Amino acid sequence: MHIRVIGQGPDLVMLHGWSMHSAVWHDLTNELAKNFTLHLVDLPGHGQSSWQQGDLELGVLVNNLAMELPETAYWLGWSLGGLISLAFVELFPERVRKLILMAATPCFVQKDDWSCAMNTDIFKQFADNLNVNQAETLQRFLLLQARGPDHSRDTIRQLGKQLAIENPPRSEALQAGLKLLIKTDMRTQFSDLACPVQMIVGDRDTLIPKDMLSEAKRLHAEVKVSLLSGAGHAPFISQPVECQKLIESFINE
């Protein structure tokens, strides 16, 4: 697994979302690297990481991450990366000092008792369409992520630089990632978290409804929640300075 290490200071692990790779953090890492040693992970089959069948099975992935990352660190996961971070904390609670979930949720799809999420059929449609036209499907997902925030056109352009079209992930990795988003329910693990946890969500996120934050509070009363006005699913691109301040304040408090 390719992990780029930059900066100085306490260790901070950063996990990207579905179909992206670690370069998507560019604007945020420029500032964070001044105060933290960043471990920028390319998930299997994404960016510069190789791919073998089964690499994105949650147990396999978490154990592989454990072998390559610091013994203790702060963790930041965006979208799918947040879900994977929760799985890591479940198996290695002593290794995560604090957890930051950005535009992430313990359960990405709707359940009978969890309406603050996406309809399962939307993710399944993406999975079906990947087999027909991967580039077009990823472009649609990009538009979905960028829809809603202020300056959404700039967000789309910047996300596009990191997306599949220029450095395409393996199709098998994309399918495996979607399977994780559809099948993984970490609500119980989220409610049992022992480490301090922060959730950062944009109020115009089209994938993570903002009312998820109140449901998260019911699961874990001590979670610190931040709702960014005018931000969508990639707030660290549309509002990097605000995100940096929230992250550093939470880690340092």
Protein backbone atom coordinates (compact mmCIF):
# COMPACT_ATOMS: atom_id res chain seq x y z
CA MET A 1 0.00 0.00 0.00
CA HIS A 2 1.39 3.40 -0.95
CA ILE A 3 1.56 5.80 2.01
CA ARG A 4 3.17 9.20 1.57
CA VAL A 5 4.63 10.70 4.76
CA ILE A 6 5.14 14.47 5.01
CA GLY A 7 5.36 17.16 7.66
CA GLN A 8 6.52 17.26 11.25
CA GLY A 9 4.88 16.78 14.62
CA PRO A 10 2.36 14.24 15.95
CA ASP A 11 1.23 11.53 13.54
CA LEU A 12 -2.04 12.10 11.64
CA VAL A 13 -3.38 9.38 9.34
CA MET A 14 -5.60 10.58 6.45
CA LEU A 15 -7.88 8.23 4.47
CA HIS A 16 -9.58 9.42 1.26
CA GLY A 17 -13.02 8.55 -0.08
CA TRP A 18 -14.39 6.28 -2.81
CA SER A 19 -12.78 6.57 -6.28
CA MET A 20 -10.23 9.17 -5.12
CA HIS A 21 -6.65 8.99 -3.84
CA SER A 22 -4.52 10.84 -1.32
CA ALA A 23 -3.71 13.79 -3.60
CA VAL A 24 -7.28 14.98 -3.07
CA TRP A 25 -6.14 16.34 0.32
CA HIS A 26 -3.68 18.76 -1.32
CA ASP A 27 -5.05 22.10 -0.08
CA LEU A 28 -5.59 20.83 3.45
CA THR A 29 -2.24 19.07 3.80
CA ASN A 30 -0.23 22.17 2.91
CA GLU A 31 -1.19 23.70 6.24
CA LEU A 32 -1.56 20.59 8.39
CA ALA A 33 1.96 19.43 7.49
CA LYS A 34 3.34 22.43 9.37
CA ASN A 35 2.17 20.93 12.66
CA PHE A 36 1.66 17.20 12.01
CA THR A 37 3.41 14.26 10.41
CA LEU A 38 0.84 13.24 7.81
CA HIS A 39 0.41 9.66 6.62
CA LEU A 40 -1.44 10.01 3.31
CA VAL A 41 -2.83 6.62 2.36
CA ASP A 42 -3.75 5.49 -1.15
CA LEU A 43 -6.32 2.75 -0.57
CA PRO A 44 -5.73 -0.51 -2.49
CA GLY A 45 -6.36 -0.11 -6.22
CA HIS A 46 -6.33 3.70 -5.95
CA GLY A 47 -3.60 6.21 -6.72
CA GLN A 48 -0.19 4.56 -6.46
CA SER A 49 -1.36 1.51 -4.49
CA SER A 50 -1.43 -1.89 -6.16
CA TRP A 51 -4.45 -4.17 -6.17
CA GLN A 52 -5.08 -7.79 -5.34
CA GLN A 53 -8.48 -9.39 -5.04
CA GLY A 54 -9.73 -9.08 -1.47
CA ASP A 55 -7.58 -6.07 -0.55
CA LEU A 56 -10.68 -4.01 0.32
CA GLU A 57 -12.31 -6.62 2.49
CA LEU A 58 -12.60 -4.78 5.77
CA GLY A 59 -10.69 -7.24 7.96
CA VAL A 60 -7.86 -7.61 5.44
CA LEU A 61 -7.61 -3.86 4.86
CA VAL A 62 -7.59 -2.93 8.55
CA ASN A 63 -4.87 -5.44 9.35
CA ASN A 64 -2.75 -4.25 6.42
CA LEU A 65 -3.14 -0.65 7.59
CA ALA A 66 -2.12 -1.70 11.09
CA MET A 67 1.13 -3.13 9.76
CA GLU A 68 2.10 0.03 7.87
CA LEU A 69 0.92 2.91 10.06
CA PRO A 70 2.21 4.35 13.36
CA GLU A 71 1.50 2.57 16.63
CA THR A 72 -0.52 5.57 17.79
CA ALA A 73 -1.88 8.44 15.73
CA TYR A 74 -4.74 10.80 15.18
CA TRP A 75 -7.02 9.61 12.38
CA LEU A 76 -8.98 11.58 9.77
CA GLY A 77 -11.31 9.77 7.37
CA TRP A 78 -13.32 11.33 4.58
CA SER A 79 -16.48 9.56 3.37
CA LEU A 80 -15.53 5.89 2.76
CA GLY A 81 -12.28 6.63 4.59
CA GLY A 82 -14.33 7.47 7.68
CA LEU A 83 -16.06 4.11 7.56
CA ILE A 84 -12.70 2.35 7.29
CA SER A 85 -11.36 4.43 10.19
CA LEU A 86 -14.24 3.25 12.38
CA ALA A 87 -13.39 -0.34 11.52
CA PHE A 88 -9.75 0.31 12.46
CA VAL A 89 -10.73 1.78 15.83
CA GLU A 90 -12.90 -1.25 16.54
CA LEU A 91 -9.95 -3.64 16.14
CA PHE A 92 -7.18 -1.37 17.43
CA PRO A 93 -8.77 1.09 19.88
CA GLU A 94 -5.49 1.76 21.67
CA ARG A 95 -3.86 3.00 18.45
CA VAL A 96 -6.25 5.88 17.68
CA ARG A 97 -5.79 8.93 19.87
CA LYS A 98 -8.66 10.91 18.37
CA LEU A 99 -10.90 10.29 15.36
CA ILE A 100 -12.17 12.88 12.89
CA LEU A 101 -14.95 11.83 10.50
CA MET A 102 -15.33 14.28 7.62
CA ALA A 103 -18.46 13.99 5.48
CA ALA A 104 -18.74 10.47 6.86
CA THR A 105 -21.38 8.47 8.67
CA PRO A 106 -21.44 5.13 10.50
CA CYS A 107 -24.02 3.91 7.97
CA PHE A 108 -24.19 5.27 4.42
CA VAL A 109 -27.47 3.63 3.34
CA GLN A 110 -31.00 3.89 4.67
CA LYS A 111 -32.34 1.35 7.13
CA ASP A 112 -35.75 1.03 8.76
CA ASP A 113 -34.34 2.79 11.81
CA TRP A 114 -31.85 5.02 9.93
CA SER A 115 -33.44 7.38 7.41
CA CYS A 116 -30.64 9.97 7.43
CA ALA A 117 -28.70 8.30 4.61
CA MET A 118 -28.72 7.54 0.87
CA ASN A 119 -31.15 5.15 -0.76
CA THR A 120 -29.41 1.81 -1.32
CA ASP A 121 -30.59 1.76 -4.95
CA ILE A 122 -28.42 4.79 -5.78
CA PHE A 123 -25.24 2.95 -4.79
CA LYS A 124 -26.39 -0.21 -6.55
CA GLN A 125 -27.03 1.79 -9.70
CA PHE A 126 -23.48 3.14 -9.56
CA ALA A 127 -22.22 -0.43 -9.22
CA ASP A 128 -24.22 -1.56 -12.27
CA ASN A 129 -23.16 1.43 -14.36
CA LEU A 130 -19.47 0.91 -13.57
CA ASN A 131 -19.56 -2.24 -15.68
CA VAL A 132 -20.95 -0.29 -18.65
CA ASN A 133 -18.95 2.96 -18.61
CA GLN A 134 -16.54 3.56 -15.75
CA ALA A 135 -15.44 7.08 -16.74
CA GLU A 136 -19.02 8.33 -17.17
CA THR A 137 -20.11 6.76 -13.88
CA LEU A 138 -17.26 8.38 -11.98
CA GLN A 139 -18.05 11.72 -13.55
CA ARG A 140 -21.65 11.40 -12.36
CA PHE A 141 -20.43 10.60 -8.86
CA LEU A 142 -18.15 13.62 -8.99
CA LEU A 143 -21.09 15.85 -9.89
CA LEU A 144 -23.11 14.37 -7.06
CA GLN A 145 -20.35 15.15 -4.57
CA ALA A 146 -19.86 18.72 -5.78
CA ARG A 147 -23.55 19.58 -6.07
CA GLY A 148 -24.80 21.96 -3.44
CA PRO A 149 -21.82 23.88 -2.04
CA ASP A 150 -20.96 27.49 -2.72
CA HIS A 151 -18.46 27.71 -5.60
CA SER A 152 -19.50 24.19 -6.66
CA ARG A 153 -18.01 24.66 -10.14
CA ASP A 154 -14.56 25.22 -8.61
CA THR A 155 -15.06 22.18 -6.39
CA ILE A 156 -15.95 20.02 -9.39
CA ARG A 157 -12.89 21.24 -11.30
CA GLN A 158 -10.54 20.55 -8.40
CA LEU A 159 -12.02 17.15 -7.64
CA GLY A 160 -11.73 16.30 -11.32
CA LYS A 161 -7.98 16.78 -11.17
CA GLN A 162 -7.79 13.98 -8.60
CA LEU A 163 -10.40 11.72 -10.11
CA ALA A 164 -10.33 8.52 -11.95
CA ILE A 165 -10.22 10.12 -15.34
CA GLU A 166 -6.58 11.16 -14.87
CA ASN A 167 -5.39 8.38 -12.56
CA PRO A 168 -8.10 5.72 -12.77
CA PRO A 169 -8.60 3.31 -9.88
CA ARG A 170 -8.99 -0.37 -10.63
CA SER A 171 -12.58 -1.28 -11.52
CA GLU A 172 -12.43 -4.17 -9.04
CA ALA A 173 -11.43 -1.73 -6.29
CA LEU A 174 -14.33 0.56 -7.17
CA GLN A 175 -16.81 -2.31 -6.95
CA ALA A 176 -15.31 -3.45 -3.64
CA GLY A 177 -15.54 0.09 -2.26
CA LEU A 178 -19.20 0.38 -3.23
CA LYS A 179 -19.86 -2.95 -1.56
CA LEU A 180 -18.36 -1.56 1.65
CA LEU A 181 -20.58 1.53 1.45
CA ILE A 182 -23.69 -0.58 0.90
CA LYS A 183 -23.05 -3.42 3.35
CA THR A 184 -21.18 -1.82 6.26
CA ASP A 185 -23.14 -0.65 9.29
CA MET A 186 -20.85 0.69 12.03
CA ARG A 187 -23.49 2.29 14.25
CA THR A 188 -22.86 -0.08 17.17
CA GLN A 189 -19.11 0.45 16.89
CA PHE A 190 -19.63 4.21 16.67
CA SER A 191 -21.73 4.25 19.85
CA ASP A 192 -19.02 2.26 21.67
CA LEU A 193 -16.11 4.54 20.70
CA ALA A 194 -13.79 5.21 23.61
CA CYS A 195 -11.58 7.78 21.87
CA PRO A 196 -12.72 11.38 21.35
CA VAL A 197 -14.51 11.78 18.03
CA GLN A 198 -15.39 14.78 15.84
CA MET A 199 -17.78 14.86 12.89
CA ILE A 200 -17.53 17.58 10.21
CA VAL A 201 -20.39 17.79 7.71
CA GLY A 202 -21.41 20.40 5.12
CA ASP A 203 -24.96 21.67 5.30
CA ARG A 204 -25.30 21.19 1.51
CA ASP A 205 -23.89 17.68 1.36
CA THR A 206 -26.03 15.60 -1.02
CA LEU A 207 -24.64 12.27 0.25
CA ILE A 208 -24.72 12.90 4.01
CA PRO A 209 -27.94 14.61 5.19
CA LYS A 210 -27.19 17.15 7.89
CA ASP A 211 -29.82 15.62 10.19
CA MET A 212 -27.43 12.66 10.50
CA LEU A 213 -25.53 14.71 13.07
CA SER A 214 -28.45 14.66 15.54
CA GLU A 215 -28.79 10.91 15.04
CA ALA A 216 -25.05 10.53 15.65
CA LYS A 217 -25.47 12.45 18.90
CA ARG A 218 -28.11 9.95 19.98
CA LEU A 219 -25.69 7.12 19.33
CA HIS A 220 -22.72 8.83 20.99
CA ALA A 221 -23.61 11.76 23.22
CA GLU A 222 -20.02 13.01 23.50
CA VAL A 223 -19.30 13.28 19.78
CA LYS A 224 -18.28 16.79 18.77
CA VAL A 225 -20.22 17.91 15.68
CA SER A 226 -19.51 20.77 13.29
CA LEU A 227 -21.85 21.82 10.46
CA LEU A 228 -20.11 23.92 7.80
CA SER A 229 -22.37 26.45 6.15
CA GLY A 230 -22.24 26.40 2.35
CA ALA A 231 -20.14 23.22 2.16
CA GLY A 232 -20.93 20.00 0.27
CA HIS A 233 -19.37 16.54 0.37
CA ALA A 234 -15.79 17.78 0.00
CA PRO A 235 -15.57 20.61 2.56
CA PHE A 236 -11.78 20.34 2.77
CA ILE A 237 -11.65 21.53 -0.85
CA SER A 238 -14.32 24.21 -0.76
CA GLN A 239 -13.38 25.43 2.75
CA PRO A 240 -9.85 24.19 3.56
CA VAL A 241 -9.03 26.92 6.08
CA GLU A 242 -12.18 26.28 8.11
CA CYS A 243 -11.52 22.53 8.06
CA GLN A 244 -7.93 22.98 9.12
CA LYS A 245 -8.98 25.14 12.08
CA LEU A 246 -11.61 22.63 13.18
CA ILE A 247 -9.18 19.71 12.94
CA GLU A 248 -6.34 21.42 14.80
CA SER A 249 -8.63 22.82 17.48
CA PHE A 250 -10.11 19.38 18.12
CA ILE A 251 -6.72 17.65 18.25
CA ASN A 252 -5.18 20.31 20.51
CA GLU A 253 -8.04 20.77 22.95
